[in-house]
Protein backbone atom coordinates (compact mmCIF):
# COMPACT_ATOMS: atom_id res chain seq x y z
CA MET A 1 124.15 -205.95 -18.12
CA PRO A 2 122.24 -208.50 -20.16
CA LYS A 3 124.51 -211.03 -22.14
CA ARG A 4 125.24 -209.62 -25.65
CA GLU A 5 123.86 -213.08 -27.13
CA ASN A 6 120.04 -211.96 -26.00
CA ILE A 7 120.39 -208.54 -27.73
CA SER A 8 118.28 -208.40 -30.87
CA MET A 9 119.71 -207.83 -34.23
CA SER A 10 117.49 -205.13 -34.66
CA VAL A 11 119.20 -203.46 -31.81
CA ILE A 12 122.74 -204.00 -33.16
CA ARG A 13 121.79 -202.96 -36.58
CA ARG A 14 120.93 -199.40 -35.20
CA LEU A 15 124.44 -199.20 -33.39
CA PRO A 16 126.31 -198.21 -36.63
CA ARG A 17 123.74 -195.48 -37.35
CA TYR A 18 124.11 -194.02 -33.77
CA TYR A 19 127.85 -194.15 -34.13
CA ARG A 20 127.80 -192.69 -37.50
CA PHE A 21 125.64 -189.72 -36.50
CA LEU A 22 127.23 -188.96 -32.94
CA ASN A 23 130.81 -188.94 -34.79
CA GLN A 24 129.24 -186.36 -37.30
CA LEU A 25 128.04 -184.13 -34.22
CA LYS A 26 131.50 -184.56 -32.61
CA ARG A 27 132.82 -183.12 -35.89
CA ASP A 28 130.39 -180.37 -35.87
CA GLY A 29 131.49 -179.38 -32.20
CA VAL A 30 128.33 -180.50 -30.24
CA THR A 31 129.34 -181.66 -26.80
CA ARG A 32 126.24 -182.56 -25.50
CA ILE A 33 122.67 -183.97 -26.75
CA SER A 34 119.44 -185.38 -25.30
CA SER A 35 117.62 -188.52 -26.35
CA THR A 36 114.89 -186.10 -27.38
CA GLU A 37 117.19 -184.33 -29.74
CA LEU A 38 118.66 -187.50 -31.04
CA SER A 39 115.18 -188.79 -31.86
CA ALA A 40 114.06 -185.84 -33.64
CA LYS A 41 117.29 -186.24 -35.70
CA LEU A 42 117.24 -189.98 -36.45
CA GLY A 43 113.56 -190.64 -36.85
CA LEU A 44 113.45 -192.82 -33.73
CA THR A 45 111.51 -192.55 -30.64
CA ALA A 46 113.27 -191.04 -27.49
CA SER A 47 112.35 -194.24 -25.73
CA GLN A 48 113.61 -196.60 -28.50
CA ILE A 49 117.01 -194.82 -28.19
CA ARG A 50 116.98 -195.16 -24.30
CA GLN A 51 116.00 -198.86 -24.77
CA ASP A 52 118.64 -199.42 -27.37
CA LEU A 53 121.52 -197.88 -25.01
CA ASN A 54 120.20 -199.57 -21.77
CA CYS A 55 120.83 -202.98 -23.43
CA PHE A 56 124.69 -202.26 -23.00
CA GLY A 57 124.50 -200.29 -19.60
CA GLY A 58 123.69 -196.95 -18.50
CA PHE A 59 124.71 -194.00 -20.70
CA GLY A 60 123.90 -190.37 -20.03
CA GLN A 61 121.99 -188.69 -17.14
CA GLN A 62 118.42 -187.95 -16.82
CA GLY A 63 117.90 -184.33 -17.41
CA TYR A 64 121.40 -183.76 -18.74
CA GLY A 65 121.64 -185.98 -21.76
CA TYR A 66 124.56 -187.56 -23.28
CA ILE A 67 128.05 -186.33 -23.74
CA VAL A 68 128.58 -186.85 -27.63
CA GLU A 69 132.28 -187.97 -27.52
CA GLN A 70 131.93 -190.13 -24.53
CA LEU A 71 128.78 -191.80 -26.06
CA ALA A 72 130.43 -192.34 -29.60
CA ALA A 73 133.56 -193.61 -27.76
CA GLU A 74 131.21 -196.22 -26.02
CA ILE A 75 129.45 -197.16 -28.93
CA GLY A 76 132.56 -197.64 -30.83
CA ARG A 77 133.56 -199.90 -28.25
CA ILE A 78 130.35 -201.98 -28.19
CA LEU A 79 131.04 -202.21 -31.96
CA GLY A 80 134.43 -203.31 -31.53
CA VAL A 81 136.24 -200.64 -34.11
CA ALA A 82 139.55 -200.68 -32.12
CA HIS A 83 140.30 -204.45 -32.82
CA ASN A 84 141.59 -204.04 -36.54
CA TYR A 85 140.57 -207.38 -37.89
CA ARG A 86 142.95 -208.47 -40.57
CA THR A 87 141.03 -208.61 -43.94
CA VAL A 88 141.44 -210.10 -47.44
CA LEU A 89 139.28 -209.05 -50.35
CA PHE A 90 138.39 -211.33 -52.81
CA GLY A 91 137.58 -209.96 -56.64
CA ALA A 92 139.25 -206.94 -58.32
CA GLY A 93 136.32 -206.32 -60.60
CA ASN A 94 134.32 -203.11 -60.38
CA LEU A 95 132.90 -203.72 -57.19
CA GLY A 96 135.92 -204.96 -55.59
CA ARG A 97 137.74 -202.19 -56.70
CA ALA A 98 135.27 -199.65 -55.37
CA ILE A 99 135.03 -201.17 -52.01
CA ALA A 100 139.02 -201.76 -51.57
CA ALA A 101 139.61 -198.04 -52.59
CA HIS A 102 136.63 -196.48 -50.89
CA MET A 103 135.73 -198.00 -47.63
CA ASP A 104 137.36 -196.50 -44.39
CA PHE A 105 138.09 -200.28 -43.33
CA GLU A 106 140.73 -198.76 -40.54
CA GLU A 107 138.00 -196.67 -38.96
CA LEU A 108 135.42 -199.38 -38.93
CA GLY A 109 137.42 -202.26 -36.89
CA PHE A 110 139.26 -203.63 -39.91
CA GLU A 111 142.44 -203.67 -41.66
CA LEU A 112 142.66 -204.46 -45.27
CA ILE A 113 145.84 -206.40 -45.77
CA GLY A 114 145.48 -208.47 -49.22
CA ILE A 115 143.44 -208.21 -52.48
CA PHE A 116 142.92 -211.49 -54.82
CA ASP A 117 141.76 -212.22 -58.12
CA ASN A 118 142.46 -214.91 -60.56
CA ALA A 119 142.06 -212.94 -63.72
CA PRO A 120 145.38 -212.43 -65.34
CA GLN A 121 144.40 -208.93 -66.45
CA LYS A 122 143.75 -207.96 -62.79
CA VAL A 123 146.77 -209.60 -61.06
CA GLY A 124 149.52 -206.90 -60.58
CA THR A 125 147.24 -204.13 -60.87
CA VAL A 126 147.20 -201.67 -57.71
CA ILE A 127 144.26 -200.49 -55.75
CA ARG A 128 144.71 -198.64 -52.45
CA GLY A 129 148.49 -198.91 -52.83
CA MET A 130 148.25 -202.74 -52.97
CA GLU A 131 149.01 -205.04 -55.68
CA VAL A 132 146.38 -207.59 -56.45
CA LEU A 133 147.72 -210.95 -55.96
CA ASN A 134 146.85 -214.29 -57.34
CA THR A 135 144.47 -216.31 -55.85
CA ALA A 136 146.85 -219.34 -56.31
CA SER A 137 149.31 -217.94 -53.88
CA PHE A 138 146.47 -217.17 -51.01
CA GLU A 139 147.69 -220.20 -48.67
CA ASP A 140 151.10 -218.90 -48.47
CA PHE A 141 149.94 -215.53 -48.00
CA CYS A 142 147.66 -216.71 -45.17
CA LYS A 143 150.68 -218.63 -43.42
CA ASP A 144 152.55 -215.11 -43.13
CA ASN A 145 149.60 -212.52 -42.49
CA LYS A 146 146.79 -214.71 -40.88
CA PRO A 147 143.73 -212.83 -42.24
CA GLU A 148 140.51 -213.09 -40.04
CA MET A 149 137.86 -211.87 -42.32
CA ALA A 150 137.36 -211.90 -46.24
CA ALA A 151 135.16 -209.70 -47.83
CA LEU A 152 133.79 -211.51 -51.12
CA CYS A 153 133.11 -209.17 -54.25
CA ILE A 154 132.91 -212.37 -56.61
CA PRO A 155 130.31 -214.11 -58.47
CA ARG A 156 127.70 -216.15 -56.52
CA THR A 157 129.10 -219.41 -58.69
CA ALA A 158 132.39 -218.72 -57.15
CA VAL A 159 131.77 -218.30 -53.53
CA GLU A 160 131.17 -222.03 -52.26
CA ALA A 161 134.54 -222.91 -53.69
CA THR A 162 136.23 -219.90 -52.39
CA VAL A 163 134.54 -220.23 -48.62
CA ASP A 164 135.58 -223.91 -48.92
CA ARG A 165 139.26 -222.96 -49.27
CA LEU A 166 139.18 -220.21 -46.83
CA TYR A 167 137.33 -221.81 -43.89
CA PRO A 168 139.87 -224.54 -43.53
CA LEU A 169 142.49 -221.87 -43.12
CA GLY A 170 140.70 -220.42 -39.99
CA ILE A 171 138.73 -217.61 -42.11
CA HIS A 172 135.64 -217.90 -40.48
CA SER A 173 134.11 -214.53 -41.22
CA TYR A 174 132.82 -213.05 -44.21
CA TRP A 175 131.32 -209.82 -45.71
CA ASN A 176 129.63 -211.30 -48.65
CA PHE A 177 128.36 -209.62 -51.45
CA SER A 178 126.97 -212.40 -53.43
CA HIS A 179 123.57 -214.12 -52.98
CA TYR A 180 125.12 -217.45 -51.73
CA ASP A 181 124.05 -218.56 -48.43
CA ILE A 182 127.15 -219.50 -46.77
CA THR A 183 125.87 -220.37 -43.49
CA MET A 184 124.06 -223.24 -45.02
CA LYS A 185 127.25 -225.23 -45.26
CA TYR A 186 129.26 -223.35 -42.44
CA PRO A 187 126.48 -222.60 -40.06
CA ASP A 188 129.09 -221.32 -37.42
CA ALA A 189 130.48 -218.91 -40.02
CA VAL A 190 129.82 -214.98 -39.00
CA VAL A 191 128.32 -213.67 -42.02
CA GLU A 192 127.11 -209.91 -42.94
CA ASN A 193 125.10 -210.37 -46.33
CA VAL A 194 125.10 -207.12 -48.38
CA HIS A 195 122.47 -207.47 -50.89
CA LEU A 196 122.38 -204.46 -53.02
CA ASN A 197 119.53 -205.54 -55.29
CA ASP A 198 117.62 -205.65 -52.05
CA SER A 199 118.31 -202.24 -50.88
CA LEU A 200 117.25 -200.83 -54.45
CA LEU A 201 114.09 -202.86 -54.52
CA THR A 202 113.40 -201.53 -50.95
CA LEU A 203 113.91 -197.74 -52.31
CA CYS A 204 111.64 -198.83 -55.40
CA TYR A 205 108.59 -199.62 -53.04
CA ARG A 206 109.07 -196.54 -51.17
CA ILE A 207 108.99 -194.32 -54.13
CA SER A 208 106.06 -196.11 -55.38
CA ASN A 209 104.33 -195.87 -52.22
CA ASN A 210 104.92 -192.35 -51.64
CA PRO A 211 101.70 -190.43 -51.04
CA GLU A 212 103.34 -187.14 -51.75
CA ALA A 213 104.75 -188.36 -55.16
CA SER A 214 103.05 -189.37 -58.32
CA HIS A 215 105.00 -191.76 -60.43
CA GLU A 216 103.78 -193.22 -63.69
CA PRO A 217 105.61 -196.34 -64.93
CA THR A 218 107.75 -196.11 -67.55
CA LYS A 219 106.28 -197.81 -71.03
CA LYS A 220 108.36 -200.25 -72.62
């Protein structure tokens, strides 16, 4: 099996899609599926799916296909969903509240253990059964709970100072919803940047360039 560092990010970014789809198949009672059937449902080629999965070892049998529950479990193992990385979330505004309340952290490899904000009107409120704590108390919280990852739902202007505070405390992994590039200052940090604007602009492009749809720009 190839070393994990040699696997391209394009392959890694397809794994969550496989994992989500296979778990849906499992919930629907499907026990076995071929790469051809998977390709038809996912919009990928069967060859691409086989190549992706072969990066992590042999799954399935020729002429038999994949056992859905087994393949979902193997991809979950590859993704590391059983680790329950201890996670803190910074920013209890609209975005942070939505992320904290609606993300299934525990099913996706993480455990949300604390929510922090420095706005007096947010500190003390309750989200997901947790009281929002003042960021001033974070060092003491860190000593007792040893978080491993931080979700940053804070303005871009606040990210650098926040990471400067978190990084020396051993938090080197970030789910970053700002447009600040953490790796410029901390190149060894593990960062997943979420750019909602980019996603919406991609959708805008796809709609605008859909030959089956006619859209006239709205005049302002």
